[in-house]
Amino acid sequence: MLLTIYERSRDWHHALQLTRELATHNPTHHAVRAAQYSCEIGDTARGRRENDAAEHAYREALTLHPMAVRPVLALAHMAYTRGEH
């Protein structure tokens, strides 16, 4: 219930914090959600041109869920826009 409120209000930091706490019960399921929230944090930071914070959030997402595609694509896009291709 609380997680749903955080999601609907786009409070990704609190959603991520709660998901980490819940991960002790179902680590795999919550790792996917935690990575999603980290990507949302990264997208928000990127939208504000806070590239270091965005990159940190995307890398955290990969740490939480190494098979996640979204943070890989976001990091690749950031590298491309910096001319690293």
C-alpha atoms as a PDB file:
ATOM      1  CA  MET A   1       0.000   0.000   0.000  1.00  0.00           C
ATOM      2  CA  LEU A   2       2.673   2.517   0.991  1.00  0.00           C
ATOM      3  CA  LEU A   3       4.753   1.528  -2.010  1.00  0.00           C
ATOM      4  CA  THR A   4       1.796   2.248  -4.289  1.00  0.00           C
ATOM      5  CA  ILE A   5       1.472   5.714  -2.783  1.00  0.00           C
ATOM      6  CA  TYR A   6       5.145   6.380  -3.405  1.00  0.00           C
ATOM      7  CA  GLU A   7       4.819   5.160  -6.991  1.00  0.00           C
ATOM      8  CA  ARG A   8       1.759   7.270  -7.746  1.00  0.00           C
ATOM      9  CA  SER A   9       3.352  10.366  -6.247  1.00  0.00           C
ATOM     10  CA  ARG A  10       6.593   9.593  -8.122  1.00  0.00           C
ATOM     11  CA  ASP A  11       8.537   9.611  -4.878  1.00  0.00           C
ATOM     12  CA  TRP A  12      11.214   7.311  -6.245  1.00  0.00           C
ATOM     13  CA  HIS A  13      13.693   7.788  -3.417  1.00  0.00           C
ATOM     14  CA  HIS A  14      11.209   6.618  -0.777  1.00  0.00           C
ATOM     15  CA  ALA A  15       9.976   3.815  -3.051  1.00  0.00           C
ATOM     16  CA  LEU A  16      13.558   2.623  -3.473  1.00  0.00           C
ATOM     17  CA  GLN A  17      14.213   2.784   0.261  1.00  0.00           C
ATOM     18  CA  LEU A  18      11.067   0.781   1.076  1.00  0.00           C
ATOM     19  CA  THR A  19      11.828  -1.763  -1.639  1.00  0.00           C
ATOM     20  CA  ARG A  20      15.270  -2.351  -0.162  1.00  0.00           C
ATOM     21  CA  GLU A  21      13.644  -3.023   3.196  1.00  0.00           C
ATOM     22  CA  LEU A  22      11.177  -5.462   1.600  1.00  0.00           C
ATOM     23  CA  ALA A  23      13.933  -7.253  -0.315  1.00  0.00           C
ATOM     24  CA  THR A  24      14.667  -9.484   2.658  1.00  0.00           C
ATOM     25  CA  HIS A  25      11.375 -11.305   1.965  1.00  0.00           C
ATOM     26  CA  ASN A  26      11.537 -11.666  -1.824  1.00  0.00           C
ATOM     27  CA  PRO A  27      14.939 -10.499  -3.119  1.00  0.00           C
ATOM     28  CA  THR A  28      14.456 -11.284  -6.813  1.00  0.00           C
ATOM     29  CA  HIS A  29      11.101  -9.547  -7.182  1.00  0.00           C
ATOM     30  CA  HIS A  30      12.222  -6.508  -5.240  1.00  0.00           C
ATOM     31  CA  ALA A  31      15.538  -6.260  -7.097  1.00  0.00           C
ATOM     32  CA  VAL A  32      13.633  -5.700 -10.331  1.00  0.00           C
ATOM     33  CA  ARG A  33      11.471  -3.012  -8.728  1.00  0.00           C
ATOM     34  CA  ALA A  34      14.445  -1.373  -7.034  1.00  0.00           C
ATOM     35  CA  ALA A  35      16.275  -1.187 -10.363  1.00  0.00           C
ATOM     36  CA  GLN A  36      13.179   0.391 -11.909  1.00  0.00           C
ATOM     37  CA  TYR A  37      13.066   3.047  -9.201  1.00  0.00           C
ATOM     38  CA  SER A  38      16.778   3.760  -9.609  1.00  0.00           C
ATOM     39  CA  CYS A  39      16.188   4.274 -13.314  1.00  0.00           C
ATOM     40  CA  GLU A  40      13.355   6.675 -12.555  1.00  0.00           C
ATOM     41  CA  ILE A  41      15.730   8.605 -10.289  1.00  0.00           C
ATOM     42  CA  GLY A  42      18.290   8.593 -13.097  1.00  0.00           C
ATOM     43  CA  ASP A  43      15.759   9.831 -15.638  1.00  0.00           C
ATOM     44  CA  THR A  44      14.736  12.663 -13.329  1.00  0.00           C
ATOM     45  CA  ALA A  45      18.364  13.647 -12.755  1.00  0.00           C
ATOM     46  CA  ARG A  46      19.103  13.477 -16.468  1.00  0.00           C
ATOM     47  CA  GLY A  47      16.125  15.716 -17.162  1.00  0.00           C
ATOM     48  CA  ARG A  48      17.662  18.293 -14.823  1.00  0.00           C
ATOM     49  CA  ARG A  49      21.026  17.863 -16.581  1.00  0.00           C
ATOM     50  CA  GLU A  50      22.533  16.344 -13.439  1.00  0.00           C
ATOM     51  CA  ASN A  51      24.510  13.821 -15.423  1.00  0.00           C
ATOM     52  CA  ASP A  52      26.720  12.573 -12.593  1.00  0.00           C
ATOM     53  CA  ALA A  53      23.677  11.822 -10.433  1.00  0.00           C
ATOM     54  CA  ALA A  54      21.932  10.181 -13.383  1.00  0.00           C
ATOM     55  CA  GLU A  55      24.901   7.966 -14.148  1.00  0.00           C
ATOM     56  CA  HIS A  56      25.186   7.001 -10.491  1.00  0.00           C
ATOM     57  CA  ALA A  57      21.494   6.026 -10.390  1.00  0.00           C
ATOM     58  CA  TYR A  58      21.761   3.935 -13.571  1.00  0.00           C
ATOM     59  CA  ARG A  59      24.851   2.149 -12.271  1.00  0.00           C
ATOM     60  CA  GLU A  60      23.054   1.482  -9.000  1.00  0.00           C
ATOM     61  CA  ALA A  61      20.191  -0.026 -11.005  1.00  0.00           C
ATOM     62  CA  LEU A  62      22.649  -2.401 -12.653  1.00  0.00           C
ATOM     63  CA  THR A  63      24.057  -3.348  -9.278  1.00  0.00           C
ATOM     64  CA  LEU A  64      20.556  -4.115  -8.015  1.00  0.00           C
ATOM     65  CA  HIS A  65      19.545  -6.060 -11.122  1.00  0.00           C
ATOM     66  CA  PRO A  66      22.491  -6.888 -13.416  1.00  0.00           C
ATOM     67  CA  MET A  67      20.247  -8.191 -16.223  1.00  0.00           C
ATOM     68  CA  ALA A  68      18.239  -4.956 -16.488  1.00  0.00           C
ATOM     69  CA  VAL A  69      18.236  -3.459 -19.967  1.00  0.00           C
ATOM     70  CA  ARG A  70      16.903   0.016 -19.209  1.00  0.00           C
ATOM     71  CA  PRO A  71      19.964   1.297 -17.310  1.00  0.00           C
ATOM     72  CA  VAL A  72      22.300  -0.103 -19.978  1.00  0.00           C
ATOM     73  CA  LEU A  73      20.405   1.770 -22.675  1.00  0.00           C
ATOM     74  CA  ALA A  74      20.337   4.962 -20.600  1.00  0.00           C
ATOM     75  CA  LEU A  75      24.087   4.789 -19.972  1.00  0.00           C
ATOM     76  CA  ALA A  76      24.714   4.106 -23.655  1.00  0.00           C
ATOM     77  CA  HIS A  77      22.579   7.101 -24.614  1.00  0.00           C
ATOM     78  CA  MET A  78      24.469   9.307 -22.177  1.00  0.00           C
ATOM     79  CA  ALA A  79      27.810   8.118 -23.585  1.00  0.00           C
ATOM     80  CA  TYR A  80      26.581   8.748 -27.129  1.00  0.00           C
ATOM     81  CA  THR A  81      25.491  12.297 -26.327  1.00  0.00           C
ATOM     82  CA  ARG A  82      28.947  12.941 -24.830  1.00  0.00           C
ATOM     83  CA  GLY A  83      30.447  11.820 -28.125  1.00  0.00           C
ATOM     84  CA  GLU A  84      31.780   8.526 -26.810  1.00  0.00           C
ATOM     85  CA  HIS A  85      30.908   6.348 -29.770  1.00  0.00           C
END
